[in-house]
N, C-alpha and C. Protein backbone atom coordinates (compact mmCIF):
# COMPACT_ATOMS: atom_id res chain seq x y z
N MET A 1 16.17 -13.28 18.25
CA MET A 1 16.81 -12.10 18.83
C MET A 1 17.00 -11.08 17.72
N LYS A 2 16.62 -9.84 18.01
CA LYS A 2 16.83 -8.74 17.07
C LYS A 2 17.87 -7.80 17.65
N VAL A 3 18.83 -7.45 16.82
CA VAL A 3 19.85 -6.48 17.18
C VAL A 3 19.90 -5.45 16.05
N PRO A 4 19.65 -4.18 16.36
CA PRO A 4 19.63 -3.19 15.29
C PRO A 4 21.02 -2.85 14.80
N THR A 5 21.11 -2.45 13.54
CA THR A 5 22.35 -1.92 12.98
C THR A 5 22.35 -0.43 13.29
N ILE A 6 23.32 -0.01 14.08
CA ILE A 6 23.39 1.40 14.42
C ILE A 6 24.77 1.92 14.04
N GLY A 7 24.79 3.13 13.61
CA GLY A 7 26.05 3.73 13.21
C GLY A 7 25.81 4.87 12.26
N GLU A 8 26.86 5.55 11.93
CA GLU A 8 26.74 6.68 11.03
C GLU A 8 26.21 6.24 9.68
N GLY A 9 25.23 6.98 9.17
CA GLY A 9 24.65 6.69 7.88
C GLY A 9 23.48 5.72 7.92
N GLU A 10 23.19 5.16 9.08
CA GLU A 10 22.05 4.24 9.19
C GLU A 10 20.75 5.04 9.17
N ASP A 11 19.70 4.42 8.72
CA ASP A 11 18.38 5.04 8.63
C ASP A 11 17.86 5.31 10.04
N PRO A 12 17.60 6.57 10.40
CA PRO A 12 17.10 6.86 11.75
C PRO A 12 15.73 6.23 12.00
N ALA A 13 14.92 6.05 10.95
CA ALA A 13 13.61 5.41 11.13
C ALA A 13 13.77 3.98 11.61
N ALA A 14 14.84 3.30 11.22
CA ALA A 14 15.06 1.92 11.66
C ALA A 14 15.32 1.87 13.17
N VAL A 15 16.03 2.86 13.69
CA VAL A 15 16.31 2.92 15.12
C VAL A 15 15.02 3.21 15.89
N VAL A 16 14.23 4.17 15.42
CA VAL A 16 12.97 4.50 16.09
C VAL A 16 12.02 3.32 16.01
N SER A 17 11.98 2.64 14.88
CA SER A 17 11.14 1.45 14.72
C SER A 17 11.54 0.36 15.72
N PHE A 18 12.84 0.16 15.89
CA PHE A 18 13.33 -0.82 16.86
C PHE A 18 12.87 -0.45 18.27
N GLU A 19 12.98 0.83 18.61
CA GLU A 19 12.54 1.29 19.93
C GLU A 19 11.04 1.11 20.12
N MET A 20 10.25 1.35 19.06
CA MET A 20 8.80 1.16 19.16
C MET A 20 8.48 -0.31 19.47
N GLU A 21 9.16 -1.21 18.77
CA GLU A 21 8.90 -2.63 19.04
C GLU A 21 9.29 -2.99 20.47
N GLN A 22 10.38 -2.39 20.96
CA GLN A 22 10.78 -2.66 22.35
C GLN A 22 9.74 -2.16 23.34
N MET A 23 9.03 -1.09 23.01
CA MET A 23 8.00 -0.56 23.89
C MET A 23 6.71 -1.38 23.81
N ILE A 24 6.37 -1.84 22.60
CA ILE A 24 5.08 -2.49 22.39
C ILE A 24 5.09 -3.98 22.74
N LEU A 25 6.08 -4.71 22.28
CA LEU A 25 6.07 -6.18 22.45
C LEU A 25 5.90 -6.63 23.89
N PRO A 26 6.57 -6.02 24.87
CA PRO A 26 6.39 -6.51 26.25
C PRO A 26 4.97 -6.34 26.79
N ARG A 27 4.17 -5.50 26.17
CA ARG A 27 2.80 -5.25 26.62
C ARG A 27 1.79 -6.21 25.99
N LEU A 28 2.24 -7.05 25.07
CA LEU A 28 1.35 -7.95 24.34
C LEU A 28 1.42 -9.37 24.87
N SER A 29 0.33 -10.09 24.70
CA SER A 29 0.31 -11.49 25.11
C SER A 29 -0.67 -12.25 24.24
N GLY A 30 -0.59 -13.55 24.30
CA GLY A 30 -1.53 -14.40 23.58
C GLY A 30 -0.85 -15.22 22.50
N VAL A 31 -1.58 -16.16 21.95
CA VAL A 31 -1.07 -17.10 20.97
C VAL A 31 -0.72 -16.43 19.64
N HIS A 32 -1.27 -15.25 19.40
CA HIS A 32 -1.05 -14.56 18.12
C HIS A 32 0.17 -13.66 18.13
N ILE A 33 0.90 -13.66 19.25
CA ILE A 33 2.05 -12.78 19.43
C ILE A 33 3.23 -13.63 19.92
N PRO A 34 4.46 -13.38 19.41
CA PRO A 34 5.60 -14.09 19.99
C PRO A 34 5.76 -13.69 21.46
N LYS A 35 6.10 -14.65 22.30
CA LYS A 35 6.30 -14.35 23.72
C LYS A 35 7.54 -13.46 23.88
N PHE A 36 7.37 -12.40 24.64
CA PHE A 36 8.47 -11.48 24.94
C PHE A 36 9.38 -12.15 25.97
N ILE A 37 10.71 -11.99 25.79
CA ILE A 37 11.66 -12.56 26.74
C ILE A 37 12.50 -11.48 27.40
N ALA A 38 13.17 -10.62 26.62
CA ALA A 38 14.04 -9.61 27.23
C ALA A 38 14.37 -8.51 26.23
N VAL A 39 14.78 -7.34 26.77
CA VAL A 39 15.30 -6.25 25.95
C VAL A 39 16.49 -5.63 26.66
N ALA A 40 17.33 -4.98 25.88
CA ALA A 40 18.40 -4.14 26.42
C ALA A 40 18.38 -2.85 25.63
N ASP A 41 18.69 -1.74 26.30
CA ASP A 41 18.59 -0.44 25.64
C ASP A 41 19.90 -0.07 24.94
N PHE A 42 19.98 1.16 24.50
CA PHE A 42 21.11 1.62 23.71
C PHE A 42 22.32 2.00 24.54
N ALA A 43 22.26 1.82 25.87
CA ALA A 43 23.39 2.17 26.73
C ALA A 43 24.65 1.38 26.35
N VAL A 44 24.51 0.11 26.05
CA VAL A 44 25.65 -0.72 25.64
C VAL A 44 25.38 -1.34 24.27
N GLN A 45 24.49 -2.32 24.23
CA GLN A 45 24.11 -2.98 22.97
C GLN A 45 22.62 -3.27 23.02
N PRO A 46 21.84 -2.60 22.20
CA PRO A 46 20.39 -2.86 22.21
C PRO A 46 20.05 -4.20 21.57
N TYR A 47 19.06 -4.86 22.13
CA TYR A 47 18.54 -6.09 21.53
C TYR A 47 17.15 -6.35 22.06
N THR A 48 16.43 -7.20 21.36
CA THR A 48 15.13 -7.70 21.79
C THR A 48 15.14 -9.20 21.60
N VAL A 49 14.73 -9.92 22.63
CA VAL A 49 14.64 -11.38 22.54
C VAL A 49 13.18 -11.77 22.69
N MET A 50 12.73 -12.60 21.76
CA MET A 50 11.34 -13.07 21.79
C MET A 50 11.32 -14.54 21.37
N GLU A 51 10.19 -15.15 21.57
CA GLU A 51 9.98 -16.53 21.16
C GLU A 51 10.23 -16.70 19.67
N HIS A 52 10.86 -17.82 19.32
CA HIS A 52 10.92 -18.22 17.90
C HIS A 52 9.58 -18.90 17.61
N VAL A 53 8.82 -18.33 16.70
CA VAL A 53 7.50 -18.88 16.38
C VAL A 53 7.68 -19.97 15.34
N ALA A 54 7.38 -21.21 15.74
CA ALA A 54 7.46 -22.34 14.81
C ALA A 54 6.34 -22.24 13.80
N GLY A 55 6.60 -22.68 12.59
CA GLY A 55 5.59 -22.67 11.54
C GLY A 55 6.12 -22.02 10.28
N ASN A 56 5.24 -21.80 9.33
CA ASN A 56 5.61 -21.20 8.05
C ASN A 56 4.95 -19.84 7.89
N SER A 57 5.68 -18.92 7.27
CA SER A 57 5.07 -17.63 6.99
C SER A 57 4.15 -17.77 5.78
N LEU A 58 3.36 -16.75 5.56
CA LEU A 58 2.48 -16.76 4.40
C LEU A 58 3.26 -16.72 3.09
N LEU A 59 4.55 -16.41 3.15
CA LEU A 59 5.38 -16.45 1.94
C LEU A 59 5.36 -17.83 1.30
N ALA A 60 5.13 -18.87 2.11
CA ALA A 60 5.08 -20.23 1.58
C ALA A 60 3.92 -20.41 0.60
N TYR A 61 2.93 -19.54 0.66
CA TYR A 61 1.76 -19.65 -0.22
C TYR A 61 1.93 -18.89 -1.53
N VAL A 62 2.90 -18.00 -1.61
CA VAL A 62 3.05 -17.14 -2.78
C VAL A 62 3.24 -17.93 -4.07
N ASP A 63 4.07 -18.96 -4.02
CA ASP A 63 4.31 -19.77 -5.22
C ASP A 63 3.10 -20.58 -5.65
N ARG A 64 2.11 -20.69 -4.77
CA ARG A 64 0.91 -21.48 -5.08
C ARG A 64 -0.27 -20.61 -5.51
N LEU A 65 -0.05 -19.32 -5.70
CA LEU A 65 -1.14 -18.42 -6.10
C LEU A 65 -1.60 -18.70 -7.51
N PRO A 66 -2.85 -18.52 -7.83
CA PRO A 66 -3.94 -18.17 -6.94
C PRO A 66 -4.38 -19.37 -6.12
N LEU A 67 -4.79 -19.10 -4.90
CA LEU A 67 -5.23 -20.16 -3.99
C LEU A 67 -6.73 -20.41 -4.16
N PRO A 68 -7.16 -21.62 -3.87
CA PRO A 68 -8.60 -21.90 -3.91
C PRO A 68 -9.34 -21.05 -2.87
N PHE A 69 -10.57 -20.67 -3.19
CA PHE A 69 -11.35 -19.82 -2.30
C PHE A 69 -11.41 -20.36 -0.86
N PRO A 70 -11.67 -21.65 -0.62
CA PRO A 70 -11.73 -22.13 0.78
C PRO A 70 -10.41 -21.89 1.54
N THR A 71 -9.28 -22.00 0.85
CA THR A 71 -7.99 -21.76 1.50
C THR A 71 -7.84 -20.28 1.84
N VAL A 72 -8.22 -19.42 0.92
CA VAL A 72 -8.14 -17.97 1.16
C VAL A 72 -9.05 -17.59 2.33
N ALA A 73 -10.25 -18.14 2.36
CA ALA A 73 -11.19 -17.84 3.44
C ALA A 73 -10.63 -18.32 4.79
N GLU A 74 -10.04 -19.50 4.82
CA GLU A 74 -9.47 -20.04 6.06
C GLU A 74 -8.30 -19.18 6.54
N LEU A 75 -7.40 -18.80 5.61
CA LEU A 75 -6.28 -17.94 5.98
C LEU A 75 -6.77 -16.57 6.46
N GLY A 76 -7.75 -16.02 5.75
CA GLY A 76 -8.31 -14.73 6.13
C GLY A 76 -8.89 -14.74 7.54
N LEU A 77 -9.58 -15.82 7.88
CA LEU A 77 -10.15 -15.94 9.22
C LEU A 77 -9.06 -16.00 10.28
N LYS A 78 -8.01 -16.76 10.02
CA LYS A 78 -6.91 -16.86 10.99
C LYS A 78 -6.22 -15.51 11.19
N ILE A 79 -6.01 -14.79 10.11
CA ILE A 79 -5.37 -13.47 10.21
C ILE A 79 -6.30 -12.49 10.90
N ALA A 80 -7.59 -12.54 10.58
CA ALA A 80 -8.56 -11.66 11.23
C ALA A 80 -8.61 -11.93 12.74
N ASP A 81 -8.55 -13.19 13.16
CA ASP A 81 -8.51 -13.52 14.59
C ASP A 81 -7.28 -12.91 15.25
N ALA A 82 -6.13 -13.01 14.58
CA ALA A 82 -4.90 -12.45 15.13
C ALA A 82 -4.99 -10.93 15.24
N LEU A 83 -5.51 -10.28 14.21
CA LEU A 83 -5.65 -8.83 14.23
C LEU A 83 -6.65 -8.39 15.30
N ASP A 84 -7.74 -9.13 15.45
CA ASP A 84 -8.72 -8.81 16.49
C ASP A 84 -8.07 -8.88 17.87
N ASP A 85 -7.28 -9.92 18.10
CA ASP A 85 -6.57 -10.07 19.37
C ASP A 85 -5.64 -8.87 19.59
N LEU A 86 -4.91 -8.48 18.57
CA LEU A 86 -3.99 -7.36 18.67
C LEU A 86 -4.75 -6.06 18.93
N HIS A 87 -5.84 -5.84 18.21
CA HIS A 87 -6.62 -4.62 18.40
C HIS A 87 -7.21 -4.53 19.80
N ARG A 88 -7.60 -5.67 20.36
CA ARG A 88 -8.13 -5.68 21.73
C ARG A 88 -7.05 -5.30 22.75
N GLN A 89 -5.77 -5.38 22.32
CA GLN A 89 -4.66 -4.97 23.17
C GLN A 89 -4.17 -3.57 22.80
N HIS A 90 -5.00 -2.83 22.08
CA HIS A 90 -4.78 -1.42 21.73
C HIS A 90 -3.68 -1.20 20.70
N VAL A 91 -3.42 -2.19 19.85
CA VAL A 91 -2.34 -2.08 18.87
C VAL A 91 -2.89 -2.25 17.46
N ILE A 92 -2.44 -1.36 16.57
CA ILE A 92 -2.68 -1.49 15.14
C ILE A 92 -1.32 -1.84 14.54
N HIS A 93 -1.23 -2.94 13.83
CA HIS A 93 0.06 -3.47 13.36
C HIS A 93 0.72 -2.58 12.30
N LEU A 94 0.02 -2.23 11.26
CA LEU A 94 0.46 -1.33 10.20
C LEU A 94 1.56 -1.87 9.29
N ASP A 95 1.90 -3.14 9.39
CA ASP A 95 2.87 -3.73 8.46
C ASP A 95 2.52 -5.19 8.20
N ILE A 96 1.24 -5.45 7.95
CA ILE A 96 0.81 -6.82 7.66
C ILE A 96 1.24 -7.15 6.24
N LYS A 97 2.05 -8.18 6.13
CA LYS A 97 2.53 -8.68 4.84
C LYS A 97 2.87 -10.15 5.04
N PRO A 98 3.04 -10.92 3.97
CA PRO A 98 3.25 -12.37 4.12
C PRO A 98 4.41 -12.74 5.06
N ALA A 99 5.49 -11.98 5.06
CA ALA A 99 6.63 -12.32 5.92
C ALA A 99 6.33 -12.10 7.39
N ASN A 100 5.34 -11.29 7.73
CA ASN A 100 5.04 -10.97 9.13
C ASN A 100 3.89 -11.79 9.70
N VAL A 101 3.42 -12.78 8.96
CA VAL A 101 2.35 -13.67 9.44
C VAL A 101 2.89 -15.10 9.40
N ILE A 102 2.95 -15.72 10.56
CA ILE A 102 3.41 -17.11 10.68
C ILE A 102 2.21 -17.97 11.09
N LEU A 103 2.04 -19.08 10.40
CA LEU A 103 0.99 -20.03 10.78
C LEU A 103 1.61 -21.08 11.69
N ARG A 104 1.20 -21.04 12.95
CA ARG A 104 1.73 -22.00 13.93
C ARG A 104 1.27 -23.42 13.57
N PRO A 105 2.03 -24.44 13.97
CA PRO A 105 1.60 -25.82 13.73
C PRO A 105 0.22 -26.12 14.34
N THR A 106 -0.17 -25.37 15.37
CA THR A 106 -1.48 -25.57 16.01
C THR A 106 -2.60 -24.89 15.24
N GLY A 107 -2.24 -24.11 14.18
CA GLY A 107 -3.24 -23.52 13.31
C GLY A 107 -3.43 -22.02 13.44
N GLU A 108 -3.02 -21.42 14.54
CA GLU A 108 -3.22 -19.99 14.72
C GLU A 108 -2.21 -19.19 13.90
N ALA A 109 -2.62 -17.97 13.52
CA ALA A 109 -1.71 -17.04 12.87
C ALA A 109 -1.03 -16.21 13.96
N ALA A 110 0.28 -16.09 13.88
CA ALA A 110 1.04 -15.25 14.80
C ALA A 110 1.60 -14.08 13.99
N LEU A 111 1.55 -12.89 14.56
CA LEU A 111 2.02 -11.68 13.89
C LEU A 111 3.40 -11.31 14.41
N LEU A 112 4.28 -10.94 13.49
CA LEU A 112 5.64 -10.56 13.84
C LEU A 112 5.88 -9.10 13.47
N ASP A 113 6.94 -8.54 14.00
CA ASP A 113 7.49 -7.23 13.63
C ASP A 113 6.54 -6.10 13.97
N PHE A 114 6.70 -5.56 15.16
CA PHE A 114 5.84 -4.49 15.66
C PHE A 114 6.51 -3.12 15.60
N GLY A 115 7.55 -3.00 14.78
CA GLY A 115 8.29 -1.75 14.69
C GLY A 115 7.52 -0.59 14.09
N LEU A 116 6.56 -0.86 13.23
CA LEU A 116 5.76 0.21 12.63
C LEU A 116 4.40 0.34 13.31
N SER A 117 4.17 -0.48 14.31
CA SER A 117 2.85 -0.52 14.96
C SER A 117 2.56 0.73 15.76
N HIS A 118 1.27 0.92 16.00
CA HIS A 118 0.80 2.03 16.83
C HIS A 118 0.07 1.44 18.02
N HIS A 119 0.49 1.81 19.24
CA HIS A 119 -0.18 1.38 20.47
C HIS A 119 -0.99 2.57 20.97
N GLY A 120 -2.26 2.37 21.16
CA GLY A 120 -3.16 3.44 21.55
C GLY A 120 -2.84 4.09 22.88
N LYS A 121 -2.03 3.45 23.72
CA LYS A 121 -1.72 4.00 25.04
C LYS A 121 -0.25 4.40 25.16
N LEU A 122 0.44 4.47 24.03
CA LEU A 122 1.86 4.87 24.03
C LEU A 122 2.07 5.98 23.01
N PRO A 123 3.12 6.78 23.19
CA PRO A 123 3.44 7.76 22.15
C PRO A 123 3.80 7.05 20.86
N ASP A 124 3.47 7.65 19.74
CA ASP A 124 3.80 7.08 18.43
C ASP A 124 4.99 7.85 17.86
N PHE A 125 6.19 7.42 18.23
CA PHE A 125 7.40 8.12 17.82
C PHE A 125 7.62 8.06 16.31
N MET A 126 7.17 7.00 15.67
CA MET A 126 7.31 6.93 14.21
C MET A 126 6.50 8.06 13.57
N GLN A 127 5.29 8.27 14.02
CA GLN A 127 4.44 9.32 13.46
C GLN A 127 4.97 10.70 13.83
N GLU A 128 5.46 10.85 15.06
CA GLU A 128 5.95 12.15 15.51
C GLU A 128 7.22 12.58 14.78
N GLU A 129 8.10 11.63 14.51
CA GLU A 129 9.41 11.95 13.94
C GLU A 129 9.44 11.96 12.42
N PHE A 130 8.61 11.14 11.80
CA PHE A 130 8.67 10.97 10.35
C PHE A 130 7.29 11.22 9.76
N HIS A 131 7.18 12.24 8.96
CA HIS A 131 5.88 12.65 8.44
C HIS A 131 5.62 12.14 7.03
N LEU A 132 6.48 11.28 6.53
CA LEU A 132 6.28 10.67 5.22
C LEU A 132 5.86 9.22 5.43
N PRO A 133 5.21 8.60 4.44
CA PRO A 133 4.88 7.18 4.56
C PRO A 133 6.16 6.35 4.72
N PHE A 134 6.08 5.29 5.50
CA PHE A 134 7.23 4.41 5.68
C PHE A 134 6.74 2.99 5.77
N GLY A 135 7.66 2.05 5.61
CA GLY A 135 7.31 0.64 5.67
C GLY A 135 7.68 -0.05 4.37
N THR A 136 7.21 -1.27 4.21
CA THR A 136 7.46 -2.05 3.01
C THR A 136 6.81 -1.35 1.82
N ALA A 137 7.54 -1.18 0.74
CA ALA A 137 7.07 -0.39 -0.40
C ALA A 137 5.68 -0.80 -0.87
N ARG A 138 5.40 -2.09 -0.94
CA ARG A 138 4.09 -2.54 -1.42
C ARG A 138 3.02 -2.41 -0.34
N VAL A 139 3.43 -2.23 0.91
CA VAL A 139 2.48 -2.16 2.02
C VAL A 139 2.85 -0.95 2.87
N VAL A 140 2.87 0.21 2.27
CA VAL A 140 3.34 1.41 2.95
C VAL A 140 2.34 1.87 3.99
N ARG A 141 2.86 2.24 5.16
CA ARG A 141 2.02 2.75 6.23
C ARG A 141 1.62 4.18 5.90
N PRO A 142 0.33 4.45 5.84
CA PRO A 142 -0.10 5.83 5.58
C PRO A 142 0.09 6.67 6.84
N SER A 143 0.13 7.95 6.65
CA SER A 143 0.21 8.86 7.78
C SER A 143 -1.07 8.75 8.60
N LEU A 144 -0.94 8.79 9.91
CA LEU A 144 -2.11 8.76 10.78
C LEU A 144 -2.65 10.16 11.02
N ALA A 145 -1.94 11.14 10.48
CA ALA A 145 -2.37 12.53 10.66
C ALA A 145 -3.67 12.78 9.91
N LYS A 146 -4.42 13.76 10.40
CA LYS A 146 -5.68 14.12 9.73
C LYS A 146 -5.36 14.79 8.39
N PRO A 147 -6.21 14.56 7.37
CA PRO A 147 -6.00 15.23 6.09
C PRO A 147 -6.26 16.72 6.23
N PRO A 148 -5.70 17.52 5.33
CA PRO A 148 -5.98 18.96 5.38
C PRO A 148 -7.47 19.21 5.26
N SER A 149 -7.91 20.36 5.80
CA SER A 149 -9.36 20.64 5.82
C SER A 149 -9.94 20.80 4.42
N ASP A 150 -9.09 21.12 3.43
CA ASP A 150 -9.59 21.27 2.06
C ASP A 150 -9.47 19.99 1.24
N ALA A 151 -9.09 18.88 1.89
CA ALA A 151 -8.94 17.62 1.17
C ALA A 151 -10.30 17.10 0.71
N VAL A 152 -10.30 16.49 -0.44
CA VAL A 152 -11.53 15.90 -0.98
C VAL A 152 -11.69 14.52 -0.37
N PRO A 153 -12.87 14.21 0.18
CA PRO A 153 -13.07 12.89 0.81
C PRO A 153 -13.01 11.76 -0.18
């Protein structure tokens, strides 16, 4: 269950990100996505309830770096399968990092945290409201806006 921190002085991007996840998650399905259960809006107390995905995040591998090539290739394939599934549902995640990838006991990679995601059939409030890069500092989401016409390719 996710419940946003709301109040004076809170980051407005966090609220918009929470709303984006509430819009996107119910439209997704499959083994690579936590099952959506319920949401409540900001009228009383906003929350999102989803499946608890059993397994370990990719953070479990950080202490074992560098990993052998076969392990990296296997993990890459699992993540690529999850991203392909997500893209087929018109979503670009935009915050792939070790904490947002869970390896299910059955072997599939499940993706978490759709607050920075872009759904091709929904408005992108994060992009509309915030014109600076946002997200995890090491994995910052670039602007989806077109570069200026005088930009060097």
